[in-house]
Amino acid sequence: MAKGDKGTLRPLDDRIVVEPQEAEAKTAGGILLPDTAKEKPQQGKVIAAGPGKLGENGQRLAMSVKVGDTVLYGKYSGSDVEVGGKEIKILRESELLGKITK
């Protein structure tokens, strides 16, 4: 669950809360990029996950990600919100492109 100054953010159904990772400040060649030239991050860490989507039979479907996982998502996926002074992203599980495993 994501903590904010007015309480705790608990995602519903198959939604997850992701803390985007910072965009690279340097190119592979060592050139420093200004903030305006950086691309939106498409990778982040799951900081909260809902209980899962409700299936047609009334049973909850298990989520394929959990808190602590690093995930990839589309550039314009989800909703950007600010909670407790932190920029976070709320996405549906179906908007995820993949999970990075170690």
N, C-alpha and C. Protein backbone atom coordinates (compact mmCIF):
# COMPACT_ATOMS: atom_id res chain seq x y z
N MET A 1 0.83 -1.17 0.00
CA MET A 1 0.00 0.00 0.00
C MET A 1 0.87 1.24 0.00
N ALA A 2 0.50 2.19 -0.82
CA ALA A 2 1.25 3.43 -0.92
C ALA A 2 0.78 4.39 0.16
N LYS A 3 1.71 4.94 0.92
CA LYS A 3 1.38 5.85 2.01
C LYS A 3 1.40 7.29 1.52
N GLY A 4 0.39 8.04 1.90
CA GLY A 4 0.31 9.45 1.57
C GLY A 4 0.11 10.25 2.84
N ASP A 5 0.02 11.58 2.71
CA ASP A 5 -0.16 12.42 3.89
C ASP A 5 -1.59 12.36 4.43
N LYS A 6 -2.54 11.84 3.67
CA LYS A 6 -3.92 11.77 4.12
C LYS A 6 -4.39 10.34 4.29
N GLY A 7 -3.49 9.39 4.30
CA GLY A 7 -3.89 8.00 4.48
C GLY A 7 -3.10 7.08 3.58
N THR A 8 -3.70 5.93 3.32
CA THR A 8 -3.05 4.90 2.54
C THR A 8 -3.81 4.67 1.24
N LEU A 9 -3.08 4.56 0.15
CA LEU A 9 -3.68 4.28 -1.15
C LEU A 9 -3.69 2.78 -1.36
N ARG A 10 -4.86 2.21 -1.48
CA ARG A 10 -5.00 0.77 -1.70
C ARG A 10 -5.70 0.56 -3.03
N PRO A 11 -5.01 0.03 -4.03
CA PRO A 11 -5.61 -0.15 -5.35
C PRO A 11 -6.71 -1.21 -5.32
N LEU A 12 -7.70 -1.04 -6.18
CA LEU A 12 -8.82 -1.96 -6.27
C LEU A 12 -8.64 -2.93 -7.42
N ASP A 13 -9.30 -4.07 -7.34
CA ASP A 13 -9.34 -5.09 -8.38
C ASP A 13 -7.95 -5.40 -8.94
N ASP A 14 -7.78 -5.25 -10.27
CA ASP A 14 -6.51 -5.62 -10.91
C ASP A 14 -5.60 -4.42 -11.15
N ARG A 15 -5.75 -3.39 -10.33
CA ARG A 15 -4.89 -2.22 -10.47
C ARG A 15 -3.64 -2.36 -9.61
N ILE A 16 -2.57 -1.73 -10.09
CA ILE A 16 -1.33 -1.72 -9.34
C ILE A 16 -0.81 -0.29 -9.27
N VAL A 17 -0.03 0.01 -8.24
CA VAL A 17 0.59 1.32 -8.06
C VAL A 17 2.08 1.13 -8.31
N VAL A 18 2.62 1.93 -9.23
CA VAL A 18 4.02 1.81 -9.63
C VAL A 18 4.74 3.12 -9.38
N GLU A 19 5.93 3.02 -8.80
CA GLU A 19 6.80 4.18 -8.64
C GLU A 19 7.77 4.18 -9.82
N PRO A 20 7.59 5.12 -10.77
CA PRO A 20 8.48 5.14 -11.95
C PRO A 20 9.93 5.35 -11.56
N GLN A 21 10.82 4.68 -12.28
CA GLN A 21 12.25 4.87 -12.08
C GLN A 21 12.68 6.10 -12.87
N GLU A 22 13.69 6.77 -12.37
CA GLU A 22 14.17 7.99 -13.01
C GLU A 22 14.71 7.70 -14.41
N ALA A 23 14.48 8.64 -15.32
CA ALA A 23 15.03 8.53 -16.67
C ALA A 23 16.54 8.73 -16.62
N GLU A 24 17.22 8.14 -17.57
CA GLU A 24 18.68 8.26 -17.62
C GLU A 24 19.07 9.72 -17.84
N ALA A 25 20.07 10.17 -17.11
CA ALA A 25 20.56 11.54 -17.22
C ALA A 25 21.67 11.66 -18.25
N LYS A 26 22.22 10.52 -18.69
CA LYS A 26 23.32 10.50 -19.66
C LYS A 26 22.99 9.53 -20.79
N THR A 27 23.49 9.84 -21.96
CA THR A 27 23.37 8.90 -23.08
C THR A 27 24.48 7.87 -22.95
N ALA A 28 24.44 6.85 -23.80
CA ALA A 28 25.48 5.82 -23.78
C ALA A 28 26.85 6.42 -24.10
N GLY A 29 26.88 7.52 -24.86
CA GLY A 29 28.13 8.18 -25.21
C GLY A 29 28.63 9.15 -24.16
N GLY A 30 27.87 9.32 -23.05
CA GLY A 30 28.30 10.20 -21.98
C GLY A 30 27.78 11.61 -22.04
N ILE A 31 26.85 11.91 -22.97
CA ILE A 31 26.30 13.26 -23.09
C ILE A 31 25.22 13.44 -22.02
N LEU A 32 25.32 14.54 -21.25
CA LEU A 32 24.32 14.83 -20.23
C LEU A 32 23.06 15.38 -20.88
N LEU A 33 21.91 14.87 -20.46
CA LEU A 33 20.63 15.30 -21.02
C LEU A 33 19.92 16.26 -20.07
N PRO A 34 19.37 17.37 -20.62
CA PRO A 34 18.57 18.25 -19.76
C PRO A 34 17.22 17.58 -19.48
N ASP A 35 16.52 18.04 -18.44
CA ASP A 35 15.24 17.44 -18.07
C ASP A 35 14.24 17.41 -19.22
N THR A 36 14.25 18.44 -20.08
CA THR A 36 13.29 18.51 -21.17
C THR A 36 13.55 17.46 -22.25
N ALA A 37 14.77 16.94 -22.35
CA ALA A 37 15.11 15.97 -23.37
C ALA A 37 14.95 14.52 -22.90
N LYS A 38 14.74 14.34 -21.60
CA LYS A 38 14.61 12.98 -21.07
C LYS A 38 13.27 12.39 -21.47
N GLU A 39 13.27 11.11 -21.78
CA GLU A 39 12.03 10.42 -22.11
C GLU A 39 11.31 10.04 -20.83
N LYS A 40 9.98 9.90 -20.92
CA LYS A 40 9.22 9.44 -19.77
C LYS A 40 9.69 8.03 -19.42
N PRO A 41 9.85 7.74 -18.13
CA PRO A 41 10.27 6.39 -17.76
C PRO A 41 9.19 5.38 -18.10
N GLN A 42 9.60 4.20 -18.51
CA GLN A 42 8.66 3.14 -18.86
C GLN A 42 8.91 1.91 -18.00
N GLN A 43 9.56 2.13 -16.89
CA GLN A 43 9.91 1.04 -15.99
C GLN A 43 9.75 1.56 -14.57
N GLY A 44 9.27 0.70 -13.68
CA GLY A 44 9.08 1.14 -12.31
C GLY A 44 8.92 -0.03 -11.37
N LYS A 45 8.85 0.29 -10.09
CA LYS A 45 8.74 -0.71 -9.04
C LYS A 45 7.31 -0.71 -8.50
N VAL A 46 6.73 -1.90 -8.36
CA VAL A 46 5.37 -2.04 -7.83
C VAL A 46 5.42 -1.76 -6.33
N ILE A 47 4.64 -0.76 -5.88
CA ILE A 47 4.63 -0.43 -4.45
C ILE A 47 3.30 -0.83 -3.80
N ALA A 48 2.29 -1.19 -4.60
CA ALA A 48 1.02 -1.69 -4.07
C ALA A 48 0.29 -2.41 -5.18
N ALA A 49 -0.46 -3.44 -4.82
CA ALA A 49 -1.23 -4.21 -5.81
C ALA A 49 -2.60 -4.55 -5.23
N GLY A 50 -3.61 -4.51 -6.08
CA GLY A 50 -4.96 -4.86 -5.66
C GLY A 50 -5.10 -6.37 -5.48
N PRO A 51 -6.28 -6.81 -5.05
CA PRO A 51 -6.50 -8.24 -4.79
C PRO A 51 -6.64 -9.09 -6.05
N GLY A 52 -6.84 -8.49 -7.20
CA GLY A 52 -7.02 -9.23 -8.44
C GLY A 52 -8.40 -8.99 -9.02
N LYS A 53 -8.53 -9.28 -10.30
CA LYS A 53 -9.79 -9.08 -11.01
C LYS A 53 -10.81 -10.13 -10.56
N LEU A 54 -12.06 -9.74 -10.52
CA LEU A 54 -13.13 -10.65 -10.16
C LEU A 54 -13.57 -11.40 -11.42
N GLY A 55 -13.45 -12.72 -11.40
CA GLY A 55 -13.81 -13.54 -12.56
C GLY A 55 -15.32 -13.69 -12.69
N GLU A 56 -15.75 -14.28 -13.79
CA GLU A 56 -17.18 -14.47 -14.05
C GLU A 56 -17.83 -15.40 -13.03
N ASN A 57 -17.05 -16.28 -12.44
CA ASN A 57 -17.58 -17.22 -11.45
C ASN A 57 -17.58 -16.64 -10.04
N GLY A 58 -17.18 -15.37 -9.88
CA GLY A 58 -17.16 -14.74 -8.57
C GLY A 58 -15.87 -14.93 -7.81
N GLN A 59 -14.92 -15.68 -8.35
CA GLN A 59 -13.63 -15.90 -7.71
C GLN A 59 -12.63 -14.83 -8.15
N ARG A 60 -11.74 -14.47 -7.26
CA ARG A 60 -10.67 -13.51 -7.60
C ARG A 60 -9.59 -14.23 -8.40
N LEU A 61 -9.15 -13.60 -9.48
CA LEU A 61 -8.05 -14.14 -10.29
C LEU A 61 -6.74 -13.62 -9.70
N ALA A 62 -5.77 -14.50 -9.55
CA ALA A 62 -4.49 -14.13 -8.95
C ALA A 62 -3.75 -13.11 -9.82
N MET A 63 -3.07 -12.17 -9.16
CA MET A 63 -2.26 -11.18 -9.87
C MET A 63 -0.93 -11.83 -10.26
N SER A 64 -0.39 -11.40 -11.39
CA SER A 64 0.89 -11.96 -11.84
C SER A 64 2.08 -11.14 -11.35
N VAL A 65 1.82 -10.03 -10.68
CA VAL A 65 2.89 -9.21 -10.10
C VAL A 65 2.60 -9.01 -8.61
N LYS A 66 3.66 -8.71 -7.88
CA LYS A 66 3.51 -8.45 -6.44
C LYS A 66 4.36 -7.24 -6.06
N VAL A 67 4.17 -6.75 -4.87
CA VAL A 67 4.93 -5.61 -4.38
C VAL A 67 6.42 -5.94 -4.43
N GLY A 68 7.20 -5.01 -4.96
CA GLY A 68 8.64 -5.19 -5.07
C GLY A 68 9.10 -5.58 -6.47
N ASP A 69 8.18 -6.06 -7.33
CA ASP A 69 8.54 -6.42 -8.69
C ASP A 69 8.86 -5.17 -9.51
N THR A 70 9.77 -5.31 -10.47
CA THR A 70 10.08 -4.26 -11.43
C THR A 70 9.36 -4.60 -12.72
N VAL A 71 8.56 -3.64 -13.23
CA VAL A 71 7.71 -3.90 -14.39
C VAL A 71 7.97 -2.88 -15.49
N LEU A 72 7.61 -3.26 -16.70
CA LEU A 72 7.65 -2.38 -17.87
C LEU A 72 6.22 -2.07 -18.28
N TYR A 73 6.00 -0.83 -18.72
CA TYR A 73 4.66 -0.43 -19.16
C TYR A 73 4.81 0.53 -20.34
N GLY A 74 3.72 0.75 -21.05
CA GLY A 74 3.72 1.64 -22.21
C GLY A 74 3.95 3.09 -21.81
N LYS A 75 4.47 3.86 -22.73
CA LYS A 75 4.82 5.25 -22.47
C LYS A 75 3.64 6.08 -21.96
N TYR A 76 2.45 5.84 -22.48
CA TYR A 76 1.29 6.64 -22.10
C TYR A 76 0.25 5.83 -21.34
N SER A 77 0.65 4.72 -20.73
CA SER A 77 -0.26 3.85 -19.98
C SER A 77 -0.58 4.43 -18.61
N GLY A 78 -1.73 4.04 -18.08
CA GLY A 78 -2.08 4.36 -16.70
C GLY A 78 -2.38 5.82 -16.45
N SER A 79 -2.53 6.14 -15.18
CA SER A 79 -2.81 7.50 -14.74
C SER A 79 -1.70 7.97 -13.82
N ASP A 80 -1.19 9.16 -14.07
CA ASP A 80 -0.16 9.76 -13.23
C ASP A 80 -0.84 10.54 -12.12
N VAL A 81 -0.49 10.26 -10.87
CA VAL A 81 -1.04 10.97 -9.72
C VAL A 81 0.09 11.30 -8.75
N GLU A 82 -0.18 12.23 -7.84
CA GLU A 82 0.80 12.58 -6.81
C GLU A 82 0.21 12.21 -5.46
N VAL A 83 0.95 11.40 -4.71
CA VAL A 83 0.53 10.98 -3.38
C VAL A 83 1.68 11.24 -2.41
N GLY A 84 1.43 12.03 -1.40
CA GLY A 84 2.47 12.32 -0.41
C GLY A 84 3.68 13.00 -1.01
N GLY A 85 3.49 13.80 -2.06
CA GLY A 85 4.60 14.51 -2.69
C GLY A 85 5.39 13.66 -3.68
N LYS A 86 4.97 12.41 -3.90
CA LYS A 86 5.66 11.52 -4.84
C LYS A 86 4.79 11.29 -6.07
N GLU A 87 5.43 11.34 -7.24
CA GLU A 87 4.73 11.03 -8.48
C GLU A 87 4.64 9.51 -8.61
N ILE A 88 3.43 9.00 -8.77
CA ILE A 88 3.24 7.56 -8.96
C ILE A 88 2.33 7.34 -10.16
N LYS A 89 2.24 6.10 -10.57
CA LYS A 89 1.41 5.72 -11.71
C LYS A 89 0.49 4.60 -11.26
N ILE A 90 -0.78 4.70 -11.63
CA ILE A 90 -1.75 3.64 -11.34
C ILE A 90 -2.14 3.02 -12.67
N LEU A 91 -1.92 1.70 -12.77
CA LEU A 91 -2.19 0.97 -14.01
C LEU A 91 -3.05 -0.25 -13.74
N ARG A 92 -3.70 -0.74 -14.76
CA ARG A 92 -4.35 -2.04 -14.69
C ARG A 92 -3.28 -3.08 -15.01
N GLU A 93 -3.44 -4.27 -14.49
CA GLU A 93 -2.47 -5.33 -14.75
C GLU A 93 -2.32 -5.59 -16.25
N SER A 94 -3.41 -5.46 -16.99
CA SER A 94 -3.38 -5.72 -18.44
C SER A 94 -2.57 -4.68 -19.21
N GLU A 95 -2.26 -3.52 -18.60
CA GLU A 95 -1.46 -2.49 -19.26
C GLU A 95 0.04 -2.76 -19.16
N LEU A 96 0.42 -3.71 -18.32
CA LEU A 96 1.84 -4.03 -18.18
C LEU A 96 2.34 -4.77 -19.40
N LEU A 97 3.57 -4.47 -19.79
CA LEU A 97 4.19 -5.14 -20.94
C LEU A 97 5.02 -6.33 -20.49
N GLY A 98 5.55 -6.26 -19.27
CA GLY A 98 6.38 -7.36 -18.79
C GLY A 98 6.89 -7.10 -17.39
N LYS A 99 7.52 -8.14 -16.85
CA LYS A 99 8.11 -8.08 -15.52
C LYS A 99 9.59 -8.43 -15.66
N ILE A 100 10.45 -7.64 -15.03
CA ILE A 100 11.89 -7.89 -15.11
C ILE A 100 12.26 -8.83 -13.98
N THR A 101 12.86 -9.96 -14.35
CA THR A 101 13.29 -10.94 -13.34
C THR A 101 14.80 -10.92 -13.23
N LYS A 102 15.28 -11.30 -12.08
CA LYS A 102 16.73 -11.27 -11.85
C LYS A 102 17.33 -12.63 -11.99
